[in-house]
Amino acid sequence: MAELLSGWKRTHYCAEPAQTEVGKEITLMGWAGTWRNLGALIFIGLRDRTGTMQLMFDENKLSGEQFKQAESIRSEYVLAVRGTLQKRTPDMVNKNMKTGEYEVIVSEFKILSTAQTPPIYIKDDLDAQEQLRLKYRYLDLRRPCMQDILITRHNIAKITRDYFAGEGFLEVETPMLQKSTPEGARDYLVPSRVHPGKFYALPQSPQLFKQLLMLSGFDRYMQITRCFRDEDLRADRQPEFTQIDLEMSFVEEDDVMGVNERFMQKLMKDTLGIDIELPLRRLPYSEAMDRFGSDKPDLRFGMELRNMSDIVENCGFSVFTSAIAGGGSVRAICAKGGVAAFTRKNIDELTEFVKIYRAKGLAWMSLKPDALQCSFAKFLTEEQIQKIQERAEAETGDIIFFVADTSEDVVYASLGALRCELAKRLNLIDPNKYELLWVTDFPLLEWSEDDSRFVAKHHPFTSPKDEDIEYLESDPGRVRAKAYDIVMNGYEIGGGSIRIHSQELQERMFRALGFTSEQAWNRFGFLMEALKYGTPPHGGMAYGLDRIVMLITGTSNIRDVIAFPKVQTASDLMSGAPDFVDNSQLDELHISTKCTEE
């Protein structure tokens, strides 16, 4: 039967006691883990969030009733124990435990709660399906590795607040219930009870409010805040996520980037003990795409893209020539040692892989020791083959992979993804290495085939570069933005820009996006009105806290760093959310649904 604390107080966490407490009585509380019954002695590992302490129950030092009760203890029982800390004998020291030199000789204990056999093991090397882990998330979170991740997350949040406070930033909360401004991802909508037919939107970011704070004179703002986007999920994305958000007044790009790369330098030093050299390298967007096929390049390995268009444009191979004639390109990457690493079956797998990114296929040239094998060799001269190998910096034993398409976006996306896939298969990535950089000079706008208009690359409040403003109406695709992303190991961990602080320029931006004046004022009128009343030049950025924690803790799944995450269907397997609600609740909100409960 479960007992009450009845005045018992914990004196230490399980992994806290040390040499200075040897011989003293201490009180520990936690969960029973591993246990061994040796007859007159019972050993149990007591676990809490700090670690595990071995308990020894000695039949000769406990009453018969207490020892009998100790024999009934099983895994995940909740215990409170009093006893004396002692050092283990040298031959019994467990070097794999933080407290492996010590044990507690139990003099008295309480079973505060019993437990059924858990549906998952409470251990780190767990091979249970993720769906089962998420259904019983409260048990999954007992595992030491999961607790370590969330403790690291807490520490990162504390470092963040302390750093930005030291730089003069003020933490200000912004609303969770906002006006819907559909320009980007889908909003999560919240119906209003007191305004029938009207809806709030949960914030995709605090963007407009932090800009208004700059108008209000709070020249350095930061916030660690929840954001929401109703979009399809993947390994590094969730429908609700946490953002480190900041904004600064009277600044240009270098000012914002400077304070933020110093933040990353401190964060990496304090969490991983890694020294980051400043200033961080910078790559213009166009160069990042040309060299790596990605605006978030992983610089832990080479294998850069090479443009082969000028070499093969007249070769007669229609896949290449038609792509170039259609305004696209032929680009390649060289897989060092690929001949030994990849069979023909593997190459076929890689061909299917690039098709995910809309590439029509994958051409290849294999430099075998005894002969050249190439899927299109008959169309090439010896001189062309030589030039291709020289540009790719290929040697005997390497394989060169080619993608051709009339769309540069397809070429970049497919080769950029292939580059990372090859690096994984060739074991080129050092998991203990961290490479950070800024990607700058993004296009301000990009053409949307779905909408048949230009859309904002980042958001519609991003300022164009001064020298490009004149092209905003005449050649929108040419305009570059005062925007910058910070990238770590192939992941964008943060991004920002200098904002538009002129009402006239903001109206021009909306026109470039295809908005009428009425549409712009209907959606963003409160911002446009505010811009009339003295707006300082300002800019800022936001980090994905979840993504930063994911990279620093070395997990590849963002769900591992969130206490209670959603799965790919945006549902919570543990609580059953989302779910149907009572009709009476819908009536209060003046809404009805087309779906009915099954």
Foldseek 3Di string as FASTA:
>chain_A
DADDCVPDDFPDEALPDDPVQAFHKGKYKAWWADWDPPDQWIWTWGDDQVFTAIEIEGNVQEDPVVVVVVVVADGGFIKMFIFGKHFDDPVQADPVGSNSRIHGYTNDMGRNGHDDDDPFHQEDPGPDDVLSCLQVLVSPCSRNLLSVLQVLLVVLVVLLVVLLVVVVADEDDDDQWADDQPADFDWDWAFDLVDFPDITTGAQDCVLVQLVVLLVVNFKYWYWDKHAGDDFDDQADFRIFTKTWIKGFPDALVVQLVSVVVSVQVSCCVQPVDGDDPDAAEAAQVRCCQFQLDLFAFPLDHFTKFFLLVLCCPLPPCLQVVLVVLQWTKIKTKQALVQVLDDVVNQVVLQVQLVVLVFPGKWKWAQAPVDIDTPPCVSDDPVSVVVVCVRNVHDHNMMMIMTGHNDHNSRSVSRNVSSVVSCVSVVSGDLPDKHKHKHFFAQQWDADPVVRAIGGPVHLFFAWDPVQLVCLPPPSRVTTTQKMFMHMRRDGFKIKHWTDLALVSSVSSCVNRVDDPVRCCVSPVVSSVSSVNDRGGMMHMMGRSLSVSCSSSVHSGSVSSDSFGADSVSARSNPGPPDDDDVVVCVSSNDDDPDDDD
